[in-house]
Structures are given as C-alpha cells and as structure tokens.
Amino acid sequence: MAKPSVSLVKEWEVIYESDEVRLEVGTAVFAEDYWKVIPAGGKPKYFYGESAWSDSRRIAGDIDFQVHFI
C-alpha cells in the first residue's frame, strides 16, 4: 500500500505543547499513523509509519527535553 497523503488527516490531537515545540498525532488510514512536530516559529515536520511515534518524539525531544517524560 502506498503512503497516504497527509491531507487525509482531518483532525490533529495535541500530545505535547510548550513554548518551544508542539507534538501532534493524526489518523489518515490507520490509527495514529501520522505524527507532526512543529517547532516554535518553524515549519511542521511530518512522520508516517511504524516508527513515526518514536521518530517524532526524538526530534521534539531534541528541541525540548521535557518531551521525553510524556
């Protein structure tokens, strides 16, 4: 199956938010298949697939260490 478009995600749930970064999760086809990291004043970075949750938390944790404790 090809990777679904991120535009299929209709609703994003905020998992973590601080002054430095926001971490969100959404569903396109499978539950929680897209993750989004939005640094303060930056462009969002999208993650898809089996390791999306860990990759997104790693990137968000590099910006704000507190993400590692959620």
N, C-alpha and C. Protein backbone atom coordinates (compact mmCIF):
# COMPACT_ATOMS: atom_id res chain seq x y z
N MET A 1 0.84 -1.18 0.00
CA MET A 1 0.00 0.00 0.00
C MET A 1 0.88 1.24 0.00
N ALA A 2 0.54 2.20 -0.81
CA ALA A 2 1.29 3.45 -0.89
C ALA A 2 0.99 4.32 0.34
N LYS A 3 1.93 5.18 0.64
CA LYS A 3 1.78 6.10 1.77
C LYS A 3 0.62 7.06 1.48
N PRO A 4 -0.36 7.16 2.40
CA PRO A 4 -1.48 8.08 2.18
C PRO A 4 -1.03 9.53 2.35
N SER A 5 -1.74 10.41 1.71
CA SER A 5 -1.44 11.83 1.80
C SER A 5 -1.75 12.35 3.20
N VAL A 6 -0.92 13.27 3.66
CA VAL A 6 -1.14 13.88 4.97
C VAL A 6 -2.44 14.68 4.98
N SER A 7 -2.91 15.09 3.82
CA SER A 7 -4.16 15.85 3.75
C SER A 7 -5.38 15.00 4.13
N LEU A 8 -5.22 13.68 4.20
CA LEU A 8 -6.31 12.80 4.64
C LEU A 8 -6.56 12.91 6.14
N VAL A 9 -5.60 13.45 6.88
CA VAL A 9 -5.78 13.64 8.33
C VAL A 9 -6.71 14.83 8.51
N LYS A 10 -7.85 14.58 9.09
CA LYS A 10 -8.86 15.63 9.28
C LYS A 10 -8.74 16.32 10.64
N GLU A 11 -8.19 15.62 11.61
CA GLU A 11 -8.11 16.18 12.96
C GLU A 11 -6.79 15.78 13.60
N TRP A 12 -6.11 16.76 14.19
CA TRP A 12 -4.84 16.52 14.88
C TRP A 12 -5.06 16.65 16.37
N GLU A 13 -4.54 15.71 17.14
CA GLU A 13 -4.63 15.75 18.59
C GLU A 13 -3.28 16.18 19.16
N VAL A 14 -3.29 17.20 20.00
CA VAL A 14 -2.06 17.70 20.60
C VAL A 14 -1.64 16.74 21.72
N ILE A 15 -0.43 16.20 21.62
CA ILE A 15 0.12 15.29 22.61
C ILE A 15 0.97 16.05 23.62
N TYR A 16 1.71 17.05 23.12
CA TYR A 16 2.59 17.84 23.99
C TYR A 16 2.69 19.24 23.39
N GLU A 17 2.72 20.25 24.26
CA GLU A 17 2.87 21.62 23.78
C GLU A 17 3.65 22.43 24.80
N SER A 18 4.62 23.18 24.31
CA SER A 18 5.40 24.09 25.15
C SER A 18 5.69 25.34 24.33
N ASP A 19 6.47 26.25 24.90
CA ASP A 19 6.86 27.45 24.16
C ASP A 19 7.81 27.12 23.02
N GLU A 20 8.43 25.95 23.06
CA GLU A 20 9.46 25.60 22.09
C GLU A 20 8.99 24.66 20.99
N VAL A 21 8.02 23.78 21.30
CA VAL A 21 7.61 22.77 20.32
C VAL A 21 6.20 22.27 20.61
N ARG A 22 5.53 21.79 19.55
CA ARG A 22 4.23 21.15 19.71
C ARG A 22 4.28 19.80 18.98
N LEU A 23 3.78 18.77 19.62
CA LEU A 23 3.75 17.42 19.07
C LEU A 23 2.29 17.01 18.91
N GLU A 24 1.92 16.60 17.70
CA GLU A 24 0.54 16.23 17.41
C GLU A 24 0.48 14.88 16.71
N VAL A 25 -0.67 14.22 16.83
CA VAL A 25 -0.89 12.94 16.16
C VAL A 25 -2.22 12.98 15.43
N GLY A 26 -2.26 12.31 14.27
CA GLY A 26 -3.49 12.27 13.48
C GLY A 26 -3.64 10.93 12.78
N THR A 27 -4.83 10.68 12.29
CA THR A 27 -5.13 9.42 11.61
C THR A 27 -5.54 9.70 10.17
N ALA A 28 -4.81 9.08 9.24
CA ALA A 28 -5.17 9.16 7.83
C ALA A 28 -5.90 7.88 7.43
N VAL A 29 -5.27 6.74 7.63
CA VAL A 29 -5.85 5.44 7.31
C VAL A 29 -5.89 4.55 8.55
N PHE A 30 -4.74 4.40 9.19
CA PHE A 30 -4.62 3.60 10.40
C PHE A 30 -4.55 4.51 11.62
N ALA A 31 -4.92 4.00 12.77
CA ALA A 31 -4.91 4.81 14.00
C ALA A 31 -3.52 5.37 14.26
N GLU A 32 -3.47 6.66 14.47
CA GLU A 32 -2.23 7.37 14.82
C GLU A 32 -1.10 7.09 13.84
N ASP A 33 -1.39 7.11 12.53
CA ASP A 33 -0.34 6.81 11.57
C ASP A 33 0.50 8.02 11.17
N TYR A 34 0.03 9.22 11.44
CA TYR A 34 0.81 10.44 11.17
C TYR A 34 1.13 11.17 12.46
N TRP A 35 2.35 11.61 12.59
CA TRP A 35 2.79 12.43 13.72
C TRP A 35 3.39 13.70 13.16
N LYS A 36 3.22 14.81 13.89
CA LYS A 36 3.68 16.11 13.41
C LYS A 36 4.43 16.82 14.54
N VAL A 37 5.61 17.34 14.21
CA VAL A 37 6.40 18.14 15.15
C VAL A 37 6.46 19.55 14.59
N ILE A 38 6.05 20.52 15.41
CA ILE A 38 6.05 21.91 14.98
C ILE A 38 6.93 22.71 15.94
N PRO A 39 8.15 23.06 15.52
CA PRO A 39 9.00 23.89 16.38
C PRO A 39 8.46 25.33 16.40
N ALA A 40 8.69 26.04 17.48
CA ALA A 40 8.23 27.43 17.58
C ALA A 40 8.82 28.24 16.43
N GLY A 41 7.96 28.87 15.66
CA GLY A 41 8.40 29.70 14.55
C GLY A 41 8.95 28.93 13.37
N GLY A 42 8.74 27.61 13.34
CA GLY A 42 9.29 26.79 12.26
C GLY A 42 8.22 26.08 11.46
N LYS A 43 8.67 25.34 10.46
CA LYS A 43 7.76 24.57 9.62
C LYS A 43 7.49 23.22 10.26
N PRO A 44 6.29 22.69 10.09
CA PRO A 44 5.98 21.37 10.64
C PRO A 44 6.75 20.27 9.90
N LYS A 45 7.12 19.25 10.64
CA LYS A 45 7.77 18.07 10.08
C LYS A 45 6.86 16.89 10.35
N TYR A 46 6.55 16.13 9.28
CA TYR A 46 5.61 15.02 9.38
C TYR A 46 6.33 13.69 9.41
N PHE A 47 5.78 12.75 10.17
CA PHE A 47 6.32 11.41 10.28
C PHE A 47 5.18 10.43 10.04
N TYR A 48 5.47 9.38 9.28
CA TYR A 48 4.45 8.39 8.95
C TYR A 48 5.02 7.00 9.12
N GLY A 49 4.18 6.09 9.58
CA GLY A 49 4.56 4.69 9.61
C GLY A 49 4.81 4.13 10.99
N GLU A 50 5.42 2.96 10.97
CA GLU A 50 5.61 2.17 12.17
C GLU A 50 6.46 2.86 13.24
N SER A 51 7.47 3.58 12.84
CA SER A 51 8.35 4.24 13.81
C SER A 51 8.07 5.74 13.94
N ALA A 52 6.96 6.20 13.39
CA ALA A 52 6.64 7.63 13.40
C ALA A 52 6.56 8.20 14.81
N TRP A 53 5.94 7.44 15.73
CA TRP A 53 5.79 7.95 17.09
C TRP A 53 7.15 8.15 17.76
N SER A 54 8.08 7.22 17.59
CA SER A 54 9.38 7.36 18.24
C SER A 54 10.25 8.40 17.54
N ASP A 55 10.18 8.45 16.21
CA ASP A 55 10.96 9.44 15.47
C ASP A 55 10.51 10.86 15.81
N SER A 56 9.19 11.05 15.89
CA SER A 56 8.68 12.39 16.19
C SER A 56 9.03 12.82 17.61
N ARG A 57 8.96 11.89 18.56
CA ARG A 57 9.33 12.22 19.95
C ARG A 57 10.82 12.50 20.08
N ARG A 58 11.63 11.80 19.30
CA ARG A 58 13.08 12.03 19.33
C ARG A 58 13.40 13.44 18.83
N ILE A 59 12.79 13.83 17.71
CA ILE A 59 13.02 15.17 17.15
C ILE A 59 12.48 16.24 18.09
N ALA A 60 11.26 16.04 18.61
CA ALA A 60 10.68 17.01 19.55
C ALA A 60 11.52 17.09 20.82
N GLY A 61 12.04 15.94 21.28
CA GLY A 61 12.89 15.90 22.47
C GLY A 61 14.21 16.61 22.28
N ASP A 62 14.70 16.65 21.05
CA ASP A 62 15.92 17.41 20.77
C ASP A 62 15.67 18.91 20.93
N ILE A 63 14.44 19.33 20.71
CA ILE A 63 14.08 20.75 20.85
C ILE A 63 13.73 21.08 22.29
N ASP A 64 12.94 20.23 22.92
CA ASP A 64 12.50 20.44 24.31
C ASP A 64 12.62 19.12 25.07
N PHE A 65 13.58 19.02 25.96
CA PHE A 65 13.90 17.78 26.66
C PHE A 65 12.70 17.21 27.42
N GLN A 66 11.75 18.04 27.82
CA GLN A 66 10.60 17.56 28.60
C GLN A 66 9.73 16.58 27.83
N VAL A 67 9.83 16.56 26.51
CA VAL A 67 9.04 15.63 25.70
C VAL A 67 9.37 14.19 26.08
N HIS A 68 10.58 13.93 26.50
CA HIS A 68 10.99 12.58 26.86
C HIS A 68 10.22 12.04 28.07
N PHE A 69 9.54 12.90 28.81
CA PHE A 69 8.85 12.47 30.02
C PHE A 69 7.35 12.32 29.85
N ILE A 70 6.84 12.38 28.62
CA ILE A 70 5.40 12.20 28.40
C ILE A 70 5.11 10.76 28.05
